Amino acid sequence: MSLGNSPEDERPFEGDREEDRLSIGRALQQARIAAGLTVDDVSTATRVRLPIVHAIEADDFGPCGGDVYARGHIRTLARAVHLDPAPLLARFDADHGGRPAPTPAAPLFEAERIRPERRGPNWTAAMVAAIVVVVAFVGFTAFKGGGDGSGANTQVADGTKPSTSATASPTPKNDKPEVPKPDTSDSAIAAAPQDKVTVQVSAADGKSWISAKDHSGRLLFDGLLKQGESKTFQDNEKVNLVLGDAGAIQLYVNGKKIDDDWQPGAVERLTYTKGDPQVG
């Protein structure tokens, strides 16, 4: 009897003898044809790639990637074409040396079980060492605390004395800044060297822009002087000043205060030398 592509030619597949003669791939192909399915239909339904379906129907199980994957594909394809996969799997196992034993599970389990056992003694030793350190520290602390009770009392008694002196010491510190405040400008200017021109500019009554240059025209300062701020300039020959708001400025030149009555907002250009203060 010849096998063709028509369903009538494939009907003998239902007999026992013909079923025994059919290979795994041929049996899957016959069942697919009987179900009215194409190879594309089976590949789409099972998500088994089209070349693998063709290879299995041709009894080529190499593209499956191993016996385990081949058995899985056979089972999936058999169910898709309404065929019992058990006889096909039994025939595959008989043709390929039997069903693969699940040996990899045991070595993996043993490897995972051995690793914690090797680390266990290290953690145990660390915990024992920590307990010993804690016990030793507690014992040492208790021994030291019992022997130093009187010493602690003496330290508290002695500490009261410096604490009273410490409270008394801030009072002279608070008084000192108040006394020298009016003397700082006078003393600093009075201590100016005689061989130089010393000019101190203070923004006493407001802020003012100022500019200062030495005898060669080099710029010493050019900016805004805020209220309460001061600048001191020195040169071997002379100091040239420009005051943006002369009414807000107080000057000390070579240790002497300049008492010129400058009006608020007035711009003054001044020059001072080593001799008596003079306006240029």
Protein backbone atom coordinates (compact mmCIF):
# COMPACT_ATOMS: atom_id res chain seq x y z
CA MET A 1 0.00 0.00 0.00
CA SER A 2 1.47 3.38 -0.99
CA LEU A 3 1.30 6.52 1.14
CA GLY A 4 0.23 9.71 -0.61
CA ASN A 5 -0.81 13.20 0.32
CA SER A 6 -4.55 12.50 0.24
CA PRO A 7 -6.36 11.70 3.50
CA GLU A 8 -7.54 8.40 2.02
CA ASP A 9 -3.95 7.24 1.57
CA GLU A 10 -3.17 8.07 5.19
CA ARG A 11 -6.15 6.21 6.69
CA PRO A 12 -4.17 2.97 7.30
CA PHE A 13 -2.26 4.87 9.98
CA GLU A 14 -5.11 3.96 12.31
CA GLY A 15 -4.21 0.25 12.19
CA ASP A 16 -1.83 -1.18 14.71
CA ARG A 17 0.64 -2.59 12.21
CA GLU A 18 0.92 0.59 10.20
CA GLU A 19 1.30 2.64 13.39
CA ASP A 20 4.19 0.48 14.47
CA ARG A 21 5.87 0.95 11.13
CA LEU A 22 5.52 4.75 11.12
CA SER A 23 8.40 6.77 12.51
CA ILE A 24 7.91 9.56 15.04
CA GLY A 25 8.14 12.30 12.42
CA ARG A 26 5.89 10.43 10.00
CA ALA A 27 3.29 9.82 12.71
CA LEU A 28 3.23 13.53 13.61
CA GLN A 29 2.98 14.47 9.95
CA GLN A 30 0.10 12.06 9.33
CA ALA A 31 -1.77 13.32 12.39
CA ARG A 32 -1.27 16.93 11.29
CA ILE A 33 -2.64 16.19 7.83
CA ALA A 34 -5.57 14.31 9.30
CA ALA A 35 -6.35 17.33 11.49
CA GLY A 36 -6.31 19.59 8.43
CA LEU A 37 -3.41 21.69 9.72
CA THR A 38 -0.39 23.06 7.90
CA VAL A 39 3.14 23.28 9.25
CA ASP A 40 2.66 27.04 9.72
CA ASP A 41 -0.50 26.39 11.76
CA VAL A 42 1.32 23.99 14.06
CA SER A 43 4.32 26.33 14.45
CA THR A 44 2.07 29.25 15.32
CA ALA A 45 0.00 27.25 17.81
CA THR A 46 2.96 25.64 19.58
CA ARG A 47 5.51 28.46 19.16
CA VAL A 48 7.98 25.85 17.93
CA ARG A 49 10.05 27.36 15.15
CA LEU A 50 9.10 26.38 11.61
CA PRO A 51 12.48 24.76 10.71
CA ILE A 52 12.31 22.58 13.85
CA VAL A 53 8.80 21.37 12.95
CA HIS A 54 10.01 20.41 9.45
CA ALA A 55 13.09 18.68 10.92
CA ILE A 56 11.06 16.64 13.44
CA GLU A 57 8.63 15.52 10.76
CA ALA A 58 11.69 14.37 8.82
CA ASP A 59 12.93 12.48 11.94
CA ASP A 60 15.85 14.88 12.31
CA PHE A 61 16.11 15.83 15.99
CA GLY A 62 19.49 17.61 15.79
CA PRO A 63 18.05 21.15 15.54
CA CYS A 64 16.18 20.58 18.81
CA GLY A 65 19.39 21.13 20.78
CA GLY A 66 19.40 17.88 22.78
CA ASP A 67 17.24 14.94 23.82
CA VAL A 68 15.48 16.85 26.58
CA TYR A 69 14.34 19.59 24.19
CA ALA A 70 13.47 17.01 21.52
CA ARG A 71 11.17 15.18 23.93
CA GLY A 72 9.50 18.47 24.82
CA HIS A 73 8.92 19.36 21.16
CA ILE A 74 7.50 15.91 20.42
CA ARG A 75 5.06 16.21 23.33
CA THR A 76 3.99 19.72 22.26
CA LEU A 77 3.52 18.82 18.58
CA ALA A 78 1.63 15.63 19.43
CA ARG A 79 -0.86 17.52 21.58
CA ALA A 80 -1.31 20.15 18.85
CA VAL A 81 -2.33 17.49 16.28
CA HIS A 82 -4.52 15.59 18.82
CA LEU A 83 -2.13 12.67 19.15
CA ASP A 84 -1.16 10.77 22.33
CA PRO A 85 2.48 11.71 22.99
CA ALA A 86 3.25 8.73 25.27
CA PRO A 87 3.89 6.13 22.50
CA LEU A 88 6.01 8.60 20.54
CA LEU A 89 8.11 9.48 23.60
CA ALA A 90 8.58 5.81 24.42
CA ARG A 91 9.75 5.15 20.85
CA PHE A 92 12.10 8.17 21.03
CA ASP A 93 13.60 6.92 24.31
CA ALA A 94 14.08 3.45 22.83
CA ASP A 95 15.82 4.86 19.76
CA HIS A 96 18.04 7.27 21.73
CA GLY A 97 19.32 5.20 24.64
CA GLY A 98 16.44 5.60 27.05
CA ARG A 99 14.94 8.52 28.93
CA PRO A 100 17.60 10.98 30.21
CA ALA A 101 18.07 10.71 33.95
CA PRO A 102 17.72 13.95 35.99
CA THR A 103 21.31 13.70 37.28
CA PRO A 104 22.20 17.42 37.18
CA ALA A 105 19.81 18.21 40.05
CA ALA A 106 21.81 16.24 42.64
CA PRO A 107 25.23 17.89 42.00
CA LEU A 108 23.67 21.33 42.02
CA PHE A 109 21.92 20.62 45.31
CA GLU A 110 25.10 19.19 46.83
CA ALA A 111 27.14 22.20 45.69
CA GLU A 112 24.67 24.65 47.18
CA ARG A 113 24.49 22.65 50.41
CA ILE A 114 28.27 22.40 50.82
CA ARG A 115 28.99 26.13 50.48
CA PRO A 116 27.04 27.22 53.58
CA GLU A 117 28.69 24.39 55.55
CA ARG A 118 32.13 25.79 54.72
CA ARG A 119 31.14 29.30 55.75
CA GLY A 120 29.44 28.18 58.96
CA PRO A 121 32.60 27.72 61.08
CA ASN A 122 33.81 31.22 60.13
CA TRP A 123 30.59 32.87 61.33
CA THR A 124 30.61 30.76 64.49
CA ALA A 125 34.19 31.73 65.26
CA ALA A 126 33.39 35.39 64.70
CA MET A 127 30.39 35.25 67.05
CA VAL A 128 32.42 33.48 69.74
CA ALA A 129 35.18 36.09 69.45
CA ALA A 130 32.62 38.90 69.70
CA ILE A 131 31.07 37.38 72.83
CA VAL A 132 34.49 37.05 74.45
CA VAL A 133 35.31 40.69 73.67
CA VAL A 134 31.98 41.90 75.09
CA VAL A 135 32.38 39.88 78.29
CA ALA A 136 35.94 41.13 78.76
CA PHE A 137 34.87 44.73 78.18
CA VAL A 138 31.99 44.49 80.68
CA GLY A 139 34.27 42.96 83.32
CA PHE A 140 36.94 45.59 82.79
CA THR A 141 34.39 48.41 82.96
CA ALA A 142 32.86 47.05 86.18
CA PHE A 143 36.31 46.66 87.77
CA LYS A 144 37.40 50.14 86.77
CA GLY A 145 34.13 51.75 87.90
CA GLY A 146 34.38 50.16 91.37
CA GLY A 147 37.97 51.27 91.91
CA ASP A 148 37.56 54.84 90.71
CA GLY A 149 34.51 55.86 92.76
CA SER A 150 36.48 58.10 95.12
CA GLY A 151 38.47 59.54 92.26
CA ALA A 152 35.27 60.58 90.53
CA ASN A 153 34.13 62.39 93.66
CA THR A 154 37.41 64.23 93.98
CA GLN A 155 37.23 65.26 90.35
CA VAL A 156 33.75 66.69 90.85
CA ALA A 157 34.85 68.57 93.95
CA ASP A 158 37.92 69.91 92.23
CA GLY A 159 35.97 70.74 89.12
CA THR A 160 33.72 73.14 91.02
CA LYS A 161 36.62 75.48 91.64
CA PRO A 162 37.63 76.02 88.02
CA SER A 163 33.96 76.25 87.07
CA THR A 164 33.52 79.32 89.31
CA SER A 165 36.63 80.92 87.93
CA ALA A 166 35.44 80.13 84.42
CA THR A 167 32.18 81.94 85.08
CA ALA A 168 34.04 84.94 86.49
CA SER A 169 36.53 85.12 83.59
CA PRO A 170 34.06 86.18 80.87
CA THR A 171 33.29 89.48 82.64
CA PRO A 172 36.70 91.05 81.96
CA LYS A 173 36.53 89.69 78.40
CA ASN A 174 33.25 91.51 77.83
CA ASP A 175 34.64 94.74 79.32
CA LYS A 176 37.81 94.76 77.22
CA PRO A 177 36.22 95.21 73.77
CA GLU A 178 34.16 98.15 75.03
CA VAL A 179 37.16 100.18 76.24
CA PRO A 180 39.48 99.89 73.22
CA LYS A 181 36.77 100.57 70.60
CA PRO A 182 37.23 104.37 70.63
CA ASP A 183 40.98 103.96 71.04
CA THR A 184 41.58 101.59 68.10
CA SER A 185 41.45 104.28 65.43
CA ASP A 186 43.53 106.79 67.41
CA SER A 187 46.12 104.28 68.55
CA ALA A 188 46.47 102.73 65.13
CA ILE A 189 46.94 106.12 63.47
CA ALA A 190 49.22 107.38 66.24
CA ALA A 191 51.46 104.35 65.70
CA ALA A 192 51.83 105.20 61.99
CA PRO A 193 55.47 105.35 60.84
CA GLN A 194 56.91 108.84 60.41
CA ASP A 195 58.60 108.07 57.08
CA LYS A 196 55.31 107.18 55.33
CA VAL A 197 51.92 108.66 54.60
CA THR A 198 49.19 106.87 56.54
CA VAL A 199 45.55 107.55 55.71
CA GLN A 200 42.60 105.88 57.39
CA VAL A 201 39.17 106.22 55.74
CA SER A 202 36.07 105.30 57.82
CA ALA A 203 32.42 105.32 56.71
CA ALA A 204 31.07 106.78 59.95
CA ASP A 205 27.73 108.27 58.83
CA GLY A 206 26.80 106.09 55.86
CA LYS A 207 28.24 104.29 52.88
CA SER A 208 30.45 105.92 50.26
CA TRP A 209 32.40 104.96 47.18
CA ILE A 210 36.12 105.68 47.52
CA SER A 211 39.21 105.39 45.35
CA ALA A 212 42.82 105.43 46.59
CA LYS A 213 46.11 105.59 44.60
CA ASP A 214 49.78 105.82 45.59
CA HIS A 215 52.33 108.40 44.34
CA SER A 216 52.91 106.44 41.11
CA GLY A 217 49.19 106.29 40.29
CA ARG A 218 48.83 102.61 41.20
CA LEU A 219 45.31 101.83 42.37
CA LEU A 220 45.21 100.78 46.01
CA PHE A 221 41.43 100.47 46.37
CA ASP A 222 38.35 101.22 44.30
CA GLY A 223 34.98 100.22 45.71
CA LEU A 224 32.10 100.82 48.09
CA LEU A 225 32.84 101.35 51.77
CA LYS A 226 29.78 100.35 53.85
CA GLN A 227 28.82 102.10 57.09
CA GLY A 228 31.06 101.00 59.94
CA GLU A 229 33.84 99.80 57.63
CA SER A 230 37.27 101.39 57.32
CA LYS A 231 40.35 101.18 55.10
CA THR A 232 43.95 102.20 55.80
CA PHE A 233 46.41 103.17 53.03
CA GLN A 234 50.17 103.85 53.23
CA ASP A 235 52.75 105.14 50.76
CA ASN A 236 56.30 106.48 50.90
CA GLU A 237 55.37 109.86 49.38
CA LYS A 238 51.64 110.57 49.01
CA VAL A 239 48.14 109.10 48.86
CA ASN A 240 45.51 110.39 46.40
CA LEU A 241 41.84 109.96 47.43
CA VAL A 242 38.50 110.40 45.71
CA LEU A 243 35.46 110.37 48.04
CA GLY A 244 32.09 109.77 46.41
CA ASP A 245 30.13 110.93 49.48
CA ALA A 246 32.54 112.99 51.57
CA GLY A 247 29.87 113.81 54.17
CA ALA A 248 29.77 110.15 55.28
CA ILE A 249 33.56 109.82 55.62
CA GLN A 250 35.85 110.41 58.62
CA LEU A 251 39.61 110.74 57.87
CA TYR A 252 42.73 110.26 59.98
CA VAL A 253 45.95 111.36 58.26
CA ASN A 254 49.35 110.73 59.85
CA GLY A 255 47.74 110.35 63.26
CA LYS A 256 45.55 113.46 63.02
CA LYS A 257 41.82 113.71 62.47
CA ILE A 258 40.64 115.79 59.52
CA ASP A 259 37.78 118.03 60.70
CA ASP A 260 36.72 119.46 57.31
CA ASP A 261 32.99 120.03 57.12
CA TRP A 262 32.08 118.07 54.01
CA GLN A 263 28.48 118.09 52.88
CA PRO A 264 26.55 114.85 52.32
CA GLY A 265 26.79 113.73 48.70
CA ALA A 266 29.80 115.98 47.97
CA VAL A 267 32.61 114.48 45.86
CA GLU A 268 36.09 115.39 47.17
CA ARG A 269 39.52 114.81 45.58
CA LEU A 270 42.29 114.85 48.21
CA THR A 271 46.06 114.38 48.34
CA TYR A 272 48.04 113.75 51.54
CA THR A 273 51.85 113.62 52.08
CA LYS A 274 54.23 112.87 54.96
CA GLY A 275 53.99 116.44 56.31
CA ASP A 276 50.98 118.04 57.92
CA PRO A 277 47.66 117.13 56.29
CA GLN A 278 47.00 119.27 53.30
CA VAL A 279 44.27 119.30 50.73
CA GLY A 280 45.40 119.09 47.10
